[in-house]
Protein backbone atom coordinates (compact mmCIF):
# COMPACT_ATOMS: atom_id res chain seq x y z
CA MET A 1 0.00 0.00 0.00
CA LYS A 2 2.84 2.39 0.84
CA ARG A 3 4.42 1.76 -2.55
CA PHE A 4 1.13 2.55 -4.29
CA ASN A 5 0.69 5.75 -2.26
CA ASP A 6 4.22 6.87 -3.16
CA TRP A 7 3.56 6.12 -6.83
CA PHE A 8 0.18 7.89 -6.79
CA ASN A 9 1.45 10.99 -5.00
CA GLY A 10 4.38 11.17 -7.41
CA LYS A 11 1.99 11.04 -10.36
CA VAL A 12 -0.18 13.80 -8.86
CA PHE A 13 2.89 16.02 -8.39
CA GLN A 14 4.10 15.35 -11.94
CA MET A 15 0.63 16.11 -13.32
CA VAL A 16 0.42 19.38 -11.42
CA HIS A 17 3.90 20.57 -12.43
CA GLY A 18 3.97 19.13 -15.92
CA HIS A 19 0.73 20.69 -17.14
CA ASN A 20 0.19 23.92 -15.21
CA LEU A 21 1.49 27.30 -14.24
CA VAL A 22 2.41 26.68 -10.60
CA TYR A 23 3.76 29.96 -9.20
CA ASN A 24 2.09 33.28 -10.02
CA THR A 25 4.46 35.10 -7.66
CA CYS A 26 7.80 34.25 -6.07
CA TRP A 27 7.77 32.83 -2.54
CA GLU A 28 11.37 33.56 -1.65
CA ASP A 29 12.21 36.82 0.08
CA PRO A 30 14.63 38.78 -2.16
CA ARG A 31 15.48 41.17 0.66
CA LEU A 32 17.35 38.32 2.35
CA ASP A 33 18.86 37.10 -0.90
CA LYS A 34 20.27 40.48 -1.88
CA THR A 35 21.89 40.88 1.53
CA ALA A 36 23.37 37.39 1.30
CA LEU A 37 24.53 37.67 -2.32
CA GLU A 38 26.44 40.97 -2.01
CA LEU A 39 25.86 41.65 -5.70
CA GLY A 40 28.35 43.74 -7.65
CA PRO A 41 28.49 45.13 -11.20
CA ASP A 42 30.57 42.20 -12.50
CA ASP A 43 28.32 39.43 -11.18
CA ASN A 44 26.46 37.03 -13.44
CA LEU A 45 23.61 35.36 -11.55
CA LEU A 46 21.62 32.22 -12.29
CA VAL A 47 18.20 31.93 -10.65
CA ILE A 48 15.38 29.45 -11.11
CA THR A 49 12.68 31.65 -12.63
CA SER A 50 9.58 30.78 -10.61
CA ALA A 51 7.39 33.83 -11.38
CA GLY A 52 10.30 36.15 -12.17
CA CYS A 53 9.71 38.70 -9.40
CA ASN A 54 13.09 38.06 -7.83
CA ALA A 55 14.98 38.02 -11.13
CA LEU A 56 13.72 41.59 -11.61
CA SER A 57 14.69 42.45 -8.05
CA TYR A 58 18.26 41.21 -8.60
CA ALA A 59 18.50 43.23 -11.82
CA LEU A 60 17.76 46.35 -9.78
CA SER A 61 21.06 45.78 -7.98
CA GLY A 62 22.92 46.75 -11.14
CA LEU A 63 24.73 43.43 -11.59
CA ASN A 64 26.01 42.39 -15.01
CA HIS A 65 23.38 39.81 -15.99
CA VAL A 66 20.58 37.61 -14.63
CA TYR A 67 19.97 34.23 -16.25
CA ALA A 68 16.44 33.09 -15.34
CA VAL A 69 16.20 29.34 -15.91
CA ASP A 70 13.15 27.10 -15.48
CA MET A 71 12.06 23.74 -16.86
CA ASN A 72 8.43 24.93 -16.91
CA TYR A 73 7.97 27.25 -19.92
CA ARG A 74 4.82 28.63 -18.29
CA GLN A 75 6.89 30.13 -15.48
CA ASN A 76 9.19 31.74 -18.02
CA ALA A 77 6.14 33.07 -19.87
CA VAL A 78 5.17 35.04 -16.75
CA LEU A 79 8.59 36.67 -16.54
CA GLU A 80 8.63 37.39 -20.27
CA LEU A 81 5.23 39.11 -19.97
CA LYS A 82 6.53 41.21 -17.09
CA ILE A 83 9.59 42.28 -19.05
CA ALA A 84 7.44 43.08 -22.11
CA GLY A 85 5.09 45.12 -19.91
CA ILE A 86 7.97 47.05 -18.37
CA LYS A 87 9.28 47.94 -21.82
CA GLU A 88 5.97 48.75 -23.55
CA LEU A 89 3.44 49.93 -20.93
CA ASP A 90 3.09 52.93 -18.69
CA TYR A 91 3.36 52.38 -14.96
CA GLU A 92 -0.36 52.58 -14.14
CA THR A 93 -1.31 49.99 -16.74
CA PHE A 94 1.52 47.74 -15.65
CA PHE A 95 0.38 48.01 -12.04
CA LEU A 96 -3.15 47.01 -13.02
CA LEU A 97 -1.71 43.86 -14.57
CA PHE A 98 0.69 42.71 -11.90
CA GLY A 99 -0.32 44.83 -8.91
CA LYS A 100 -4.08 44.42 -9.02
CA GLY A 101 -3.97 41.23 -11.07
CA LYS A 102 -6.76 42.55 -13.36
CA CYS A 103 -6.74 44.75 -16.42
CA ARG A 104 -9.83 45.44 -18.49
CA GLY A 105 -9.04 45.47 -22.19
CA ILE A 106 -5.93 43.32 -21.79
CA LYS A 107 -6.74 41.40 -24.98
CA GLU A 108 -6.12 44.46 -27.15
CA ILE A 109 -3.16 45.63 -25.05
CA TYR A 110 -1.59 42.20 -25.37
CA LYS A 111 -2.18 42.03 -29.11
CA THR A 112 -0.84 45.49 -29.94
CA LYS A 113 1.92 46.01 -27.35
CA LEU A 114 3.08 42.82 -25.67
CA ARG A 115 2.76 39.79 -27.91
CA ASP A 116 5.57 40.66 -30.32
CA GLN A 117 8.00 40.95 -27.40
CA LEU A 118 7.55 37.31 -26.38
CA SER A 119 9.21 34.05 -27.39
CA GLU A 120 7.17 31.59 -29.43
CA SER A 121 6.40 29.32 -26.47
CA SER A 122 5.29 32.28 -24.36
CA ARG A 123 3.07 33.54 -27.19
CA ARG A 124 1.34 30.17 -27.38
CA PHE A 125 0.75 30.23 -23.64
CA TRP A 126 -0.55 33.79 -23.41
CA ASP A 127 -2.63 33.55 -26.60
CA LYS A 128 -4.75 31.05 -24.66
CA LYS A 129 -4.51 32.47 -21.14
CA ILE A 130 -4.20 36.26 -21.27
CA VAL A 131 -7.92 37.08 -21.06
CA ARG A 132 -8.74 34.31 -18.62
CA TYR A 133 -5.93 35.29 -16.26
CA PHE A 134 -6.20 39.08 -16.37
CA ASP A 135 -9.65 40.17 -17.63
CA SER A 136 -11.97 38.51 -15.14
CA ARG A 137 -14.38 40.55 -13.04
CA ARG A 138 -14.27 38.00 -10.26
CA LYS A 139 -10.81 36.45 -10.29
CA SER A 140 -7.37 38.02 -9.94
CA PHE A 141 -4.24 36.69 -11.65
CA TYR A 142 -3.08 35.81 -8.14
CA PHE A 143 -5.92 33.31 -7.93
CA CYS A 144 -4.72 31.57 -11.12
CA GLY A 145 -2.29 28.68 -11.47
CA THR A 146 -2.04 25.92 -8.90
CA THR A 147 -0.83 28.14 -6.06
CA GLY A 148 -3.65 30.48 -7.04
CA ALA A 149 -6.11 27.60 -6.63
CA PHE A 150 -4.81 27.20 -3.09
CA ALA A 151 -5.23 30.95 -2.50
CA ARG A 152 -8.82 30.79 -3.78
CA GLY A 153 -9.52 27.96 -1.37
CA LEU A 154 -7.98 29.94 1.47
CA ASN A 155 -10.15 32.95 0.69
CA PHE A 156 -13.28 30.80 0.40
CA PHE A 157 -12.54 29.47 3.87
CA ILE A 158 -11.95 32.96 5.29
CA ASP A 159 -15.12 34.40 3.72
CA ARG A 160 -17.62 31.54 3.78
CA ILE A 161 -16.60 29.01 6.40
CA GLY A 162 -14.48 30.71 9.05
CA ARG A 163 -16.12 34.11 8.40
CA PHE A 164 -13.22 36.18 9.68
CA ARG A 165 -12.52 38.49 6.73
CA LYS A 166 -12.85 41.62 8.88
CA PRO A 167 -10.00 40.76 11.29
CA VAL A 168 -7.87 39.57 8.34
CA ASN A 169 -8.27 42.97 6.67
CA GLU A 170 -7.55 44.74 9.96
CA LEU A 171 -4.42 42.66 10.46
CA LEU A 172 -3.10 43.48 6.98
CA GLU A 173 -3.41 47.19 7.70
CA CYS A 174 -1.56 47.02 11.03
CA THR A 175 1.49 49.18 11.56
CA ASP A 176 1.75 48.32 15.26
CA LEU A 177 3.21 44.88 15.98
CA ASP A 178 1.45 44.49 19.33
CA ARG A 179 -1.94 45.14 17.76
CA GLN A 180 -1.10 42.84 14.87
CA ARG A 181 -0.17 40.03 17.28
CA ASN A 182 -3.34 40.57 19.28
CA ILE A 183 -5.56 40.28 16.20
CA TRP A 184 -3.75 37.14 15.04
CA GLU A 185 -3.79 35.35 18.38
CA ASN A 186 -7.27 36.34 19.54
CA GLN A 187 -9.35 36.75 16.39
CA ILE A 188 -7.84 34.61 13.64
CA ARG A 189 -5.56 31.80 14.76
CA LYS A 190 -8.08 29.48 16.43
CA ARG A 191 -10.68 30.06 13.74
CA LEU A 192 -8.17 29.29 11.01
CA TRP A 193 -6.94 26.00 12.45
CA SER A 194 -10.16 24.06 12.11
CA TRP A 195 -10.15 20.31 11.53
CA ILE A 196 -10.72 20.78 7.80
CA VAL A 197 -7.67 23.05 7.43
CA LYS A 198 -5.51 20.59 9.35
CA PHE A 199 -6.82 17.78 7.17
CA MET A 200 -6.02 19.66 3.95
CA VAL A 201 -2.55 20.77 5.07
CA ASN A 202 -1.72 17.14 5.84
CA ARG A 203 -2.55 15.98 2.28
CA ASP A 204 0.15 15.52 -0.37
CA SER A 205 -2.35 16.63 -3.02
CA THR A 206 -2.77 20.01 -1.30
CA LEU A 207 0.97 20.48 -0.94
CA SER A 208 1.43 19.60 -4.62
CA LEU A 209 -0.59 22.72 -5.51
CA LEU A 210 2.02 24.73 -3.61
CA GLY A 211 4.93 23.02 -5.36
CA VAL A 212 5.86 20.87 -2.36
CA PRO A 213 6.77 17.31 -3.42
CA ARG A 214 6.30 14.31 -1.15
CA ALA A 215 10.05 14.05 -0.56
CA GLN A 216 10.09 17.56 0.89
CA ARG A 217 7.09 16.86 3.09
CA LEU A 218 8.76 13.71 4.44
CA GLN A 219 11.85 15.75 5.32
CA ILE A 220 9.69 18.01 7.46
CA GLU A 221 7.89 15.05 9.05
CA LYS A 222 11.22 13.46 9.99
CA THR A 223 12.99 16.54 11.30
CA TYR A 224 10.35 18.88 12.71
CA PRO A 225 8.74 18.11 16.10
CA GLY A 226 5.00 17.83 15.46
CA GLY A 227 5.40 17.22 11.74
CA ILE A 228 3.92 19.24 8.89
CA ILE A 229 0.96 20.62 10.86
CA ARG A 230 3.13 22.00 13.65
CA PHE A 231 5.62 23.33 11.10
CA VAL A 232 2.96 25.33 9.23
CA GLN A 233 1.42 26.56 12.49
CA ASP A 234 4.78 27.81 13.72
CA CYS A 235 5.47 29.45 10.36
CA LEU A 236 2.20 31.37 10.46
CA ASP A 237 2.74 32.35 14.09
CA ALA A 238 6.06 33.88 13.06
CA VAL A 239 4.63 35.68 10.00
CA PHE A 240 1.57 37.15 11.68
CA GLY A 241 2.62 37.29 15.31
CA GLN A 242 6.32 38.16 15.28
CA LEU A 243 7.21 39.95 12.02
CA PRO A 244 5.72 43.28 10.86
CA ILE A 245 2.99 42.65 8.29
CA ALA A 246 3.01 46.15 6.76
CA ASP A 247 5.48 45.26 3.97
CA ASN A 248 4.69 41.55 3.71
CA TYR A 249 3.45 41.54 0.12
CA PHE A 250 3.76 37.75 -0.12
CA TRP A 251 0.85 36.98 2.18
CA ARG A 252 -1.13 40.06 1.15
CA ALA A 253 -1.35 38.78 -2.43
CA TYR A 254 -2.86 35.45 -1.38
CA ALA A 255 -5.12 36.91 1.30
CA THR A 256 -6.58 39.61 -0.98
CA GLY A 257 -5.68 38.74 -4.60
CA SER A 258 -3.68 41.92 -5.11
CA TYR A 259 -0.91 44.21 -3.90
CA THR A 260 -1.02 47.85 -2.94
CA LYS A 261 1.51 50.43 -4.10
CA GLU A 262 2.77 50.59 -0.52
CA CYS A 263 3.07 46.81 -0.18
CA CYS A 264 4.33 45.09 -3.32
CA PRO A 265 7.43 43.47 -4.88
CA GLU A 266 10.24 45.86 -5.78
CA TYR A 267 9.59 45.72 -9.53
CA LEU A 268 6.08 47.14 -8.94
CA GLU A 269 7.33 50.25 -7.17
CA GLU A 270 7.17 53.17 -9.59
CA LYS A 271 10.79 54.29 -9.13
CA ASN A 272 12.04 50.75 -9.75
CA PHE A 273 9.70 50.27 -12.71
CA GLN A 274 11.37 53.28 -14.32
CA LEU A 275 14.87 51.95 -13.60
CA LEU A 276 13.95 48.64 -15.22
CA LYS A 277 12.38 50.42 -18.18
CA ASN A 278 15.49 52.56 -18.60
CA GLY A 279 17.65 49.52 -19.26
CA LEU A 280 18.03 47.26 -16.25
CA ALA A 281 15.39 44.85 -17.58
CA ASP A 282 17.67 44.25 -20.57
CA ARG A 283 20.10 42.55 -18.20
CA ILE A 284 17.73 39.58 -17.80
CA SER A 285 17.54 36.66 -20.21
CA VAL A 286 15.04 33.80 -19.92
CA HIS A 287 15.86 30.16 -20.60
CA THR A 288 13.59 27.11 -20.64
CA ASN A 289 15.92 24.37 -19.48
CA THR A 290 17.20 22.54 -16.42
CA VAL A 291 19.96 24.19 -14.42
CA GLU A 292 22.39 21.55 -15.66
CA GLY A 293 21.16 21.79 -19.26
CA PHE A 294 21.61 25.57 -19.30
CA LEU A 295 25.08 25.39 -17.78
CA ARG A 296 26.25 22.73 -20.25
CA GLU A 297 25.35 25.08 -23.12
CA TYR A 298 26.49 28.33 -21.49
CA GLN A 299 29.91 29.58 -22.54
CA GLY A 300 30.71 31.98 -19.70
CA THR A 301 31.02 31.80 -15.92
CA ILE A 302 28.49 32.37 -13.14
CA SER A 303 29.43 33.99 -9.83
CA ARG A 304 26.04 33.83 -8.06
CA PHE A 305 23.52 30.97 -7.96
CA VAL A 306 20.02 31.07 -6.41
CA LEU A 307 18.81 27.48 -6.45
CA LEU A 308 15.59 27.88 -4.41
CA ASP A 309 14.52 24.52 -2.92
CA HIS A 310 14.65 22.30 -5.99
CA MET A 311 17.50 20.16 -4.63
CA ASP A 312 15.02 18.71 -2.14
CA TRP A 313 13.12 17.41 -5.17
CA LEU A 314 16.23 15.88 -6.74
CA SER A 315 17.57 14.32 -3.55
CA ASP A 316 14.89 11.63 -3.40
CA ARG A 317 14.48 9.87 -6.76
CA LEU A 318 16.71 11.96 -9.03
CA TYR A 319 19.98 11.82 -7.13
CA ASP A 320 22.05 11.27 -10.28
CA ALA A 321 20.62 14.52 -11.66
CA LEU A 322 21.65 16.28 -8.45
CA VAL A 323 25.22 15.01 -8.88
CA SER A 324 25.33 16.07 -12.53
CA GLU A 325 23.95 19.51 -11.72
CA TRP A 326 26.68 20.17 -9.16
CA ASP A 327 29.35 19.03 -11.60
CA ALA A 328 27.98 21.56 -14.10
CA ILE A 329 27.94 24.31 -11.45
CA LEU A 330 31.57 23.63 -10.58
CA GLN A 331 32.58 23.68 -14.24
CA LYS A 332 31.04 27.13 -14.83
CA LYS A 333 31.80 28.80 -11.51
CA ALA A 334 33.57 32.14 -11.44
CA PRO A 335 36.12 33.20 -8.80
CA LYS A 336 34.48 33.92 -5.43
CA THR A 337 31.26 32.12 -6.36
CA ARG A 338 28.40 32.24 -3.84
CA ILE A 339 25.40 29.90 -3.85
CA LEU A 340 22.06 30.22 -2.04
CA TRP A 341 19.47 27.51 -1.52
CA ARG A 342 16.52 26.71 0.70
CA SER A 343 14.97 23.53 2.02
CA GLY A 344 11.64 22.38 3.36
CA GLY A 345 13.58 20.41 5.99
CA LEU A 346 15.68 21.63 8.88
CA SER A 347 18.89 20.47 7.19
CA THR A 348 20.25 19.41 3.81
CA ASP A 349 22.71 16.77 4.94
CA TYR A 350 22.39 15.07 1.56
CA ILE A 351 24.34 17.98 0.03
CA GLN A 352 27.45 17.19 2.05
CA THR A 353 28.07 13.79 0.48
CA VAL A 354 27.34 14.60 -3.18
CA PRO A 355 30.34 13.19 -5.13
CA VAL A 356 31.83 15.82 -7.47
CA GLN A 357 34.81 16.28 -9.74
CA TRP A 358 37.19 18.82 -8.21
CA LYS A 359 40.72 19.80 -9.26
CA GLY A 360 41.29 16.63 -11.20
CA GLY A 361 39.86 14.20 -8.66
CA LYS A 362 36.75 13.13 -6.78
CA THR A 363 35.64 14.63 -3.50
CA GLU A 364 32.50 15.20 -1.46
CA LEU A 365 30.74 18.51 -2.04
CA GLY A 366 30.68 19.38 1.64
CA LYS A 367 34.48 19.53 1.68
CA ILE A 368 34.62 22.42 -0.80
CA LEU A 369 31.67 24.47 0.47
CA ARG A 370 32.32 27.22 3.00
CA MET A 371 29.02 27.72 4.81
CA ASN A 372 28.06 31.10 6.29
CA GLU A 373 25.82 29.59 8.95
CA GLN A 374 25.44 32.62 11.20
CA LEU A 375 24.36 35.02 8.46
CA ALA A 376 22.00 32.40 7.02
CA HIS A 377 20.44 31.81 10.44
CA ASP A 378 20.03 35.54 11.14
CA LEU A 379 18.45 36.23 7.75
CA HIS A 380 16.17 33.19 7.96
CA GLN A 381 14.60 34.57 11.13
CA LYS A 382 13.57 37.70 9.20
CA ASP A 383 12.06 35.82 6.25
CA ARG A 384 8.70 37.41 5.42
CA VAL A 385 7.50 34.23 3.70
CA HIS A 386 8.63 31.86 6.44
CA THR A 387 7.53 28.64 4.74
CA TYR A 388 11.00 27.05 4.42
CA GLY A 389 12.63 25.01 7.13
CA SER A 390 16.15 26.28 6.45
CA PHE A 391 18.25 28.70 4.39
CA TYR A 392 21.85 28.31 3.20
CA ILE A 393 24.68 30.57 2.04
CA ALA A 394 27.76 28.82 0.66
CA ASP A 395 31.00 30.03 -0.90
CA LEU A 396 33.01 27.68 -3.09
CA GLU A 397 36.58 26.98 -2.11
CA GLU A 398 39.06 28.65 -4.47
């Protein structure tokens, strides 16, 4: 029975990720990343695209180039549409698209201003989806895709079942941490954690919508006291009870379906929109490929890598791919290379023993990584998303 469940859950995850847009916004805090990366004008950075918000944020640092790489062409289509919008639209129209998640008349705007800026695969995607995703009276773009389906379910629960929309709205407007904590602990927390929410959070099918594979869930179950339920409860307690909510655009988008101009990703701030329009967006290129596949074809060197949490996915059934990816990273590294990654678990011990080619021989990866544990720990505590179990900053030995 266990073997069947593993097979079935794997098929569900593959179906979700192989046929859908998963992420409509990035769920990694770029404020932490930019502090950790120490980006300079000569840096070339590789990042897994996700929804492209953070690729745009890194470009604002004035580095040399950002290579946004993702296996899922739908994720790259989102970033391509953002770049096209930055280049061709005025700020207010762009904010309707990606700030409010709705833009009346997008069909004509897309046809006349955006479509020609896109790659062929992105055109095929948006030809079918542009109206459905952005010109709905009822549904925001941030309620589209599989993570958007989760957000819709969350809002249905808040509005129709738990009936606590008023305190949620009050919490999101808080500028006083004590008042914010009081609303969370006394008006929302107990009403949120009903039996049905606990049941759904404990299902692999639900986590698949959020891009969490079974292997990652099992890491949490093994390493976190209380398992996945306790982990998520503690994450939400930190987000809503310990960290200021005023600039937490991550949770605002999924609780309301939109951003505000005061609470949004960096690329949606007007001053940054203009900087990107004036040339910084040209420093981003988009590639539909695996990390290894891109690096095998790439002719230059990379000094900064942002690998998100995808190594958790590879560590279970695709270990050979994990080994090959690290060999490719080591072949294309620049001097003073720095690498960031995250994990659903409390540790990534599997990284330490990855066998790699190094200086003409074989060694274990952990022997050539110089971990900045203190900085990673300090930054992780400030993470506005707070859905990862751990965060890592590693320099490669010279």
